[in-house]
N, C-alpha and C. Protein backbone atom coordinates (compact mmCIF):
# COMPACT_ATOMS: atom_id res chain seq x y z
N MET A 1 -31.43 37.28 43.31
CA MET A 1 -31.10 38.12 42.27
C MET A 1 -29.35 38.44 42.59
N GLY A 2 -28.77 38.43 41.27
CA GLY A 2 -27.33 38.26 41.62
C GLY A 2 -26.62 39.59 41.69
N VAL A 3 -25.31 39.69 41.83
CA VAL A 3 -24.51 40.81 42.23
C VAL A 3 -24.73 41.72 41.00
N LYS A 4 -24.59 40.99 39.68
CA LYS A 4 -24.51 41.85 38.40
C LYS A 4 -25.95 42.53 38.39
N SER A 5 -27.04 41.91 38.53
CA SER A 5 -28.30 42.17 38.04
C SER A 5 -28.65 43.22 39.49
N GLY A 6 -27.97 43.31 40.33
CA GLY A 6 -28.67 44.25 41.22
C GLY A 6 -27.71 45.58 41.10
N PHE A 7 -26.41 45.54 40.81
CA PHE A 7 -25.45 46.47 40.08
C PHE A 7 -26.38 47.09 38.84
N VAL A 8 -26.50 46.61 37.97
CA VAL A 8 -27.38 46.98 36.78
C VAL A 8 -28.68 47.95 37.37
N ILE A 9 -29.55 47.19 38.10
CA ILE A 9 -30.56 48.11 38.69
C ILE A 9 -30.40 49.51 39.66
N GLY A 10 -29.34 49.28 40.47
CA GLY A 10 -28.84 50.18 40.99
C GLY A 10 -28.17 51.48 39.90
N PHE A 11 -27.46 51.06 38.86
CA PHE A 11 -27.31 52.11 38.36
C PHE A 11 -28.29 52.65 37.62
N GLY A 12 -29.05 51.85 37.05
CA GLY A 12 -30.66 52.24 36.60
C GLY A 12 -31.29 53.59 37.20
N VAL A 13 -31.35 53.26 38.49
CA VAL A 13 -31.95 53.84 39.43
C VAL A 13 -31.33 55.44 39.79
N GLY A 14 -29.80 55.22 39.95
CA GLY A 14 -29.14 56.20 40.36
C GLY A 14 -29.12 57.16 38.81
N TYR A 15 -29.21 56.54 37.93
CA TYR A 15 -29.01 57.18 36.45
C TYR A 15 -30.56 58.09 36.50
N VAL A 16 -31.62 57.65 36.73
CA VAL A 16 -32.90 58.32 36.55
C VAL A 16 -32.98 59.18 37.74
N LEU A 17 -32.13 58.87 39.07
CA LEU A 17 -32.59 60.08 40.02
C LEU A 17 -31.55 61.15 39.71
N GLY A 18 -30.63 60.70 39.09
CA GLY A 18 -29.62 61.85 39.07
C GLY A 18 -29.31 62.51 37.40
N ALA A 19 -30.26 62.01 36.79
CA ALA A 19 -30.18 62.47 35.08
C ALA A 19 -30.60 63.74 34.82
N LYS A 20 -29.45 64.54 34.38
CA LYS A 20 -29.95 66.11 33.72
C LYS A 20 -30.26 66.21 32.36
N ALA A 21 -30.69 65.04 31.94
CA ALA A 21 -31.24 65.03 30.59
C ALA A 21 -32.52 65.49 30.16
N GLY A 22 -32.99 65.63 31.19
CA GLY A 22 -34.60 66.19 30.85
C GLY A 22 -35.62 65.50 31.11
N ARG A 23 -36.76 65.91 31.03
CA ARG A 23 -38.09 64.88 31.74
C ARG A 23 -38.28 64.17 30.27
N GLN A 24 -37.87 64.48 29.19
CA GLN A 24 -38.24 63.66 28.05
C GLN A 24 -37.45 62.18 28.07
N ARG A 25 -36.26 62.09 28.51
CA ARG A 25 -35.22 61.16 28.84
C ARG A 25 -35.83 60.49 30.00
N TYR A 26 -36.37 60.97 30.95
CA TYR A 26 -36.89 60.34 32.30
C TYR A 26 -38.12 59.48 31.82
N GLU A 27 -38.74 59.98 31.14
CA GLU A 27 -40.49 59.43 30.74
C GLU A 27 -39.88 58.60 29.71
N GLN A 28 -38.63 58.33 28.75
CA GLN A 28 -38.46 57.34 27.83
C GLN A 28 -37.84 55.97 28.78
N ILE A 29 -37.01 56.57 29.87
CA ILE A 29 -36.39 55.30 30.70
C ILE A 29 -37.80 54.74 31.72
N ARG A 30 -38.57 55.67 32.24
CA ARG A 30 -39.74 55.25 32.80
C ARG A 30 -40.79 53.99 31.63
N GLN A 31 -40.87 54.34 30.61
CA GLN A 31 -41.65 53.64 29.78
C GLN A 31 -40.93 52.15 29.54
N SER A 32 -39.57 52.77 29.66
CA SER A 32 -38.65 51.08 29.21
C SER A 32 -38.60 50.18 30.49
N TRP A 33 -38.95 50.86 31.52
CA TRP A 33 -39.25 50.22 32.93
C TRP A 33 -40.30 49.43 32.44
N GLY A 34 -41.24 50.29 32.73
CA GLY A 34 -42.81 49.69 32.55
C GLY A 34 -42.86 48.52 31.48
N GLN A 35 -42.32 48.50 30.44
CA GLN A 35 -42.32 47.37 29.61
C GLN A 35 -41.71 46.26 29.99
N LEU A 36 -40.43 46.42 30.81
CA LEU A 36 -39.86 45.42 31.32
C LEU A 36 -40.61 44.47 32.32
N THR A 37 -41.05 45.24 33.13
CA THR A 37 -41.75 45.20 34.52
C THR A 37 -43.28 44.33 34.30
N GLY A 38 -43.62 44.79 32.99
CA GLY A 38 -44.70 44.20 32.59
C GLY A 38 -44.79 43.13 31.71
N SER A 39 -43.53 42.54 31.20
CA SER A 39 -43.71 41.43 30.64
C SER A 39 -43.44 39.95 31.01
N PRO A 40 -44.17 39.20 30.54
CA PRO A 40 -44.64 37.63 31.23
C PRO A 40 -43.36 37.13 31.64
N THR A 41 -42.45 37.34 31.18
CA THR A 41 -40.67 36.48 31.70
C THR A 41 -40.64 37.14 32.93
N PHE A 42 -40.56 38.53 33.08
CA PHE A 42 -40.13 39.25 34.33
C PHE A 42 -41.06 38.89 35.45
N GLN A 43 -42.32 38.90 34.91
CA GLN A 43 -43.41 38.50 36.03
C GLN A 43 -43.17 36.93 36.58
N ARG A 44 -42.91 35.97 35.84
CA ARG A 44 -42.51 34.58 36.11
C ARG A 44 -41.18 34.75 37.07
N VAL A 45 -40.09 35.60 36.75
CA VAL A 45 -39.18 35.52 37.38
C VAL A 45 -39.11 36.03 38.86
N THR A 46 -39.94 37.01 38.70
CA THR A 46 -40.44 37.77 40.00
C THR A 46 -41.30 36.63 40.91
N GLU A 47 -42.03 36.08 40.19
CA GLU A 47 -43.01 35.17 41.25
C GLU A 47 -41.90 33.77 41.61
N ARG A 48 -41.10 33.38 40.93
CA ARG A 48 -40.17 32.13 41.38
C ARG A 48 -39.08 32.93 42.32
N THR A 49 -38.74 34.35 42.10
CA THR A 49 -37.88 34.54 43.41
C THR A 49 -38.73 34.73 44.29
N LYS A 50 -40.01 35.15 44.78
CA LYS A 50 -40.75 35.28 45.67
C LYS A 50 -41.00 33.88 46.31
N GLU A 51 -41.20 33.04 45.55
CA GLU A 51 -41.53 31.56 46.24
C GLU A 51 -39.89 31.00 46.93
N ALA A 52 -38.69 31.38 45.93
CA ALA A 52 -37.81 30.79 46.50
C ALA A 52 -37.45 31.66 48.08
N ALA A 53 -37.51 32.69 48.34
CA ALA A 53 -37.42 33.57 49.46
C ALA A 53 -38.32 33.24 50.48
N GLY A 54 -39.55 32.75 49.95
CA GLY A 54 -40.30 32.24 50.82
C GLY A 54 -39.95 30.86 51.81
N GLU A 55 -39.28 30.10 50.75
CA GLU A 55 -39.09 28.64 51.13
C GLU A 55 -37.94 28.79 52.23
N SER A 56 -36.85 29.74 51.54
CA SER A 56 -35.80 29.94 52.47
C SER A 56 -35.81 30.28 54.13
N ALA A 57 -37.00 31.45 53.84
CA ALA A 57 -37.53 31.91 55.32
C ALA A 57 -37.83 31.03 55.97
N LYS A 58 -39.09 29.94 55.46
CA LYS A 58 -39.74 28.81 55.90
C LYS A 58 -38.44 27.86 56.93
N LYS A 59 -37.61 27.83 55.79
CA LYS A 59 -36.47 26.69 56.36
C LYS A 59 -35.49 27.57 57.72
N SER A 60 -35.38 29.01 57.47
CA SER A 60 -34.28 29.46 58.45
C SER A 60 -35.31 29.38 59.68
N LEU A 61 -36.68 29.73 59.84
CA LEU A 61 -37.35 30.13 60.83
C LEU A 61 -37.55 28.55 61.56
N PHE A 62 -37.46 27.59 60.93
CA PHE A 62 -37.32 26.15 61.59
C PHE A 62 -36.16 25.78 62.27
N ALA A 63 -35.16 26.48 61.49
CA ALA A 63 -33.90 26.17 62.36
C ALA A 63 -33.79 26.82 63.41
N VAL A 64 -34.11 28.18 63.45
CA VAL A 64 -33.91 29.02 64.26
C VAL A 64 -35.07 28.27 65.63
N GLN A 65 -36.21 27.87 65.28
CA GLN A 65 -36.92 27.28 66.50
C GLN A 65 -36.24 26.37 66.97
N ARG A 66 -35.46 24.99 66.12
CA ARG A 66 -35.09 24.26 66.35
C ARG A 66 -33.71 24.45 67.60
N GLY A 67 -33.00 25.38 67.24
CA GLY A 67 -31.78 25.97 68.22
C GLY A 67 -32.31 26.62 69.45
N VAL A 68 -33.63 27.36 69.55
CA VAL A 68 -34.00 27.67 70.40
C VAL A 68 -34.49 26.76 71.59
N GLU A 69 -35.31 25.80 70.89
CA GLU A 69 -35.45 24.55 71.83
C GLU A 69 -34.36 23.92 72.30
N LYS A 70 -33.34 23.60 71.59
CA LYS A 70 -32.27 22.87 72.05
C LYS A 70 -31.39 23.96 73.22
N ALA A 71 -31.32 25.27 72.68
CA ALA A 71 -31.02 25.79 74.15
C ALA A 71 -31.99 25.78 75.09
N GLY A 72 -33.29 25.78 75.17
CA GLY A 72 -33.89 25.60 76.25
C GLY A 72 -33.90 24.39 77.16
N THR A 73 -33.74 23.25 76.35
CA THR A 73 -33.59 22.04 76.65
C THR A 73 -32.35 21.77 77.51
N ALA A 74 -31.10 22.50 76.88
CA ALA A 74 -30.10 22.22 77.75
C ALA A 74 -29.97 23.14 79.02
N VAL A 75 -30.56 24.50 78.91
CA VAL A 75 -30.63 25.18 80.19
C VAL A 75 -31.47 24.26 81.15
N LYS A 76 -32.63 23.52 80.99
CA LYS A 76 -33.56 23.12 81.82
C LYS A 76 -32.66 21.75 82.58
N ASP A 77 -31.77 21.16 81.47
CA ASP A 77 -31.02 19.84 82.00
C ASP A 77 -29.86 20.67 82.96
N ARG A 78 -29.19 21.48 82.39
CA ARG A 78 -28.09 22.43 83.55
C ARG A 78 -28.79 22.50 84.82
N LEU A 79 -29.78 23.30 84.71
CA LEU A 79 -30.55 23.71 86.01
C LEU A 79 -31.09 22.50 86.78
N ASN A 80 -31.61 21.49 86.55
CA ASN A 80 -31.98 20.26 87.15
C ASN A 80 -30.68 19.37 87.79
N LYS A 81 -29.58 19.51 86.71
CA LYS A 81 -28.03 19.12 87.33
C LYS A 81 -27.90 19.58 88.56
N GLU A 82 -27.69 20.99 88.55
CA GLU A 82 -27.38 21.69 89.76
C GLU A 82 -28.25 21.65 90.72
N ASP A 83 -29.76 21.58 90.46
CA ASP A 83 -30.80 21.09 91.76
C ASP A 83 -30.36 19.91 92.38
N ASP A 84 -29.97 18.89 91.52
CA ASP A 84 -29.71 17.59 92.23
C ASP A 84 -28.31 17.48 92.78
N LEU A 85 -27.39 18.24 92.20
CA LEU A 85 -26.22 18.21 92.77
C LEU A 85 -26.23 19.06 94.21
N ALA A 86 -26.96 20.11 94.29
CA ALA A 86 -27.60 20.61 95.41
C ALA A 86 -27.87 19.87 96.51
N GLU A 87 -28.90 19.01 96.44
CA GLU A 87 -29.49 18.24 96.77
C GLU A 87 -28.44 17.04 97.47
N GLU A 88 -27.91 16.68 96.54
CA GLU A 88 -26.85 15.42 97.12
C GLU A 88 -25.96 15.80 97.93
N ILE A 89 -25.43 17.41 97.96
CA ILE A 89 -24.45 17.79 98.92
C ILE A 89 -25.23 18.01 100.01
N ALA A 90 -26.70 18.57 100.43
CA ALA A 90 -27.01 18.65 101.40
C ALA A 90 -27.23 17.44 102.27
N ASP A 91 -27.62 16.19 101.33
CA ASP A 91 -27.91 15.03 101.89
C ASP A 91 -26.68 14.68 102.70
N ARG A 92 -25.29 14.62 101.79
CA ARG A 92 -24.16 14.22 102.34
C ARG A 92 -24.04 15.22 103.44
N LEU A 93 -24.02 16.45 103.54
CA LEU A 93 -23.88 17.34 104.83
C LEU A 93 -24.89 16.55 105.91
N GLU A 94 -25.99 16.72 105.70
CA GLU A 94 -26.73 15.84 106.76
C GLU A 94 -26.09 14.68 107.33
N GLN A 95 -25.64 13.79 106.63
CA GLN A 95 -25.11 12.33 107.04
C GLN A 95 -23.96 12.83 107.61
N GLY A 96 -23.43 13.88 107.54
CA GLY A 96 -21.89 13.87 108.46
C GLY A 96 -22.14 14.72 109.51
N ARG A 97 -23.33 15.31 110.00
CA ARG A 97 -23.57 16.09 111.03
C ARG A 97 -23.68 15.19 112.39
N GLY A 98 -24.12 13.95 112.20
CA GLY A 98 -24.24 13.18 113.61
C GLY A 98 -22.78 12.58 114.08
N ARG A 99 -21.90 12.69 113.82
CA ARG A 99 -20.64 12.66 113.96
C ARG A 99 -20.09 13.47 115.28
N SER A 100 -18.96 12.93 115.76
CA SER A 100 -18.50 13.56 116.91
C SER A 100 -17.52 14.82 116.64
N PRO A 101 -17.31 15.53 117.66
CA PRO A 101 -16.24 16.85 116.65
C PRO A 101 -15.01 15.85 116.66
N GLY A 102 -14.38 15.05 117.19
CA GLY A 102 -13.51 14.40 117.17
C GLY A 102 -13.11 13.63 115.82
N GLN A 103 -14.12 13.18 115.32
CA GLN A 103 -14.09 12.55 113.96
C GLN A 103 -14.32 13.71 112.58
N THR A 104 -14.41 15.07 112.78
CA THR A 104 -14.50 16.02 111.73
C THR A 104 -13.19 15.25 110.80
N GLY A 105 -12.16 15.22 111.19
CA GLY A 105 -10.99 15.22 110.03
C GLY A 105 -11.35 14.15 109.14
N ASP A 106 -11.82 12.89 109.55
CA ASP A 106 -11.89 11.89 108.55
C ASP A 106 -13.50 11.83 108.08
N ALA A 107 -13.96 12.59 108.34
CA ALA A 107 -15.51 12.81 108.14
C ALA A 107 -15.60 13.36 106.45
N ALA A 108 -15.03 14.32 106.55
CA ALA A 108 -15.04 14.60 105.06
C ALA A 108 -14.66 13.80 103.99
N PRO A 109 -13.70 12.86 103.79
CA PRO A 109 -13.73 11.98 102.77
C PRO A 109 -14.55 10.79 102.90
N GLU A 110 -15.49 10.52 103.99
CA GLU A 110 -16.45 9.90 103.70
C GLU A 110 -17.77 10.40 103.09
N VAL A 111 -17.73 11.84 103.27
CA VAL A 111 -19.17 12.53 102.93
C VAL A 111 -18.99 12.50 101.24
N PHE A 112 -17.52 13.14 101.35
CA PHE A 112 -17.26 13.60 99.87
C PHE A 112 -16.51 12.71 99.22
N PRO A 113 -16.61 11.59 99.20
CA PRO A 113 -15.68 10.55 98.20
C PRO A 113 -15.16 10.99 97.11
N ASN A 114 -14.17 10.54 96.61
CA ASN A 114 -13.51 11.29 95.05
C ASN A 114 -13.11 12.70 95.00
N THR A 115 -12.87 13.32 96.05
CA THR A 115 -12.60 14.77 95.94
C THR A 115 -11.43 15.21 96.15
N GLY A 116 -10.85 14.20 96.50
CA GLY A 116 -9.00 14.74 96.49
C GLY A 116 -8.60 14.97 98.26
N VAL A 117 -10.07 15.03 98.92
CA VAL A 117 -9.59 15.84 100.23
C VAL A 117 -9.07 14.50 101.37
N THR A 118 -8.05 14.58 101.84
CA THR A 118 -7.24 13.55 102.81
C THR A 118 -7.29 13.72 103.99
N GLU A 119 -6.80 13.12 104.90
CA GLU A 119 -6.91 13.45 106.59
C GLU A 119 -5.79 14.49 106.78
N ARG A 120 -5.67 15.00 107.74
CA ARG A 120 -4.77 15.83 108.00
C ARG A 120 -3.66 15.45 109.07
């Protein structure tokens, strides 16, 4: 439904609800509305609109589901990377424990290469 038709329907409803022309005018408007909504053309347009809305809803639902799946996968990957990183750090720390206290200054670059840590 376009903006114009929405405006026309809104205006009509407002007029009916706010009209002070009396019961006779109200019945006349109601009868016209019944004729409009009962016409085969109006029925076809209404059915097509419902079908289009249903298709759009299905497409939207599919898009949302794919987005949720992607987000879930990204979170799982991130958690797995963090777990892998924690395990790697723990392994490297364990490797560095066997060194004597005098070797602690140069142990860090060996345990954590490419980190920019240099000897003091």
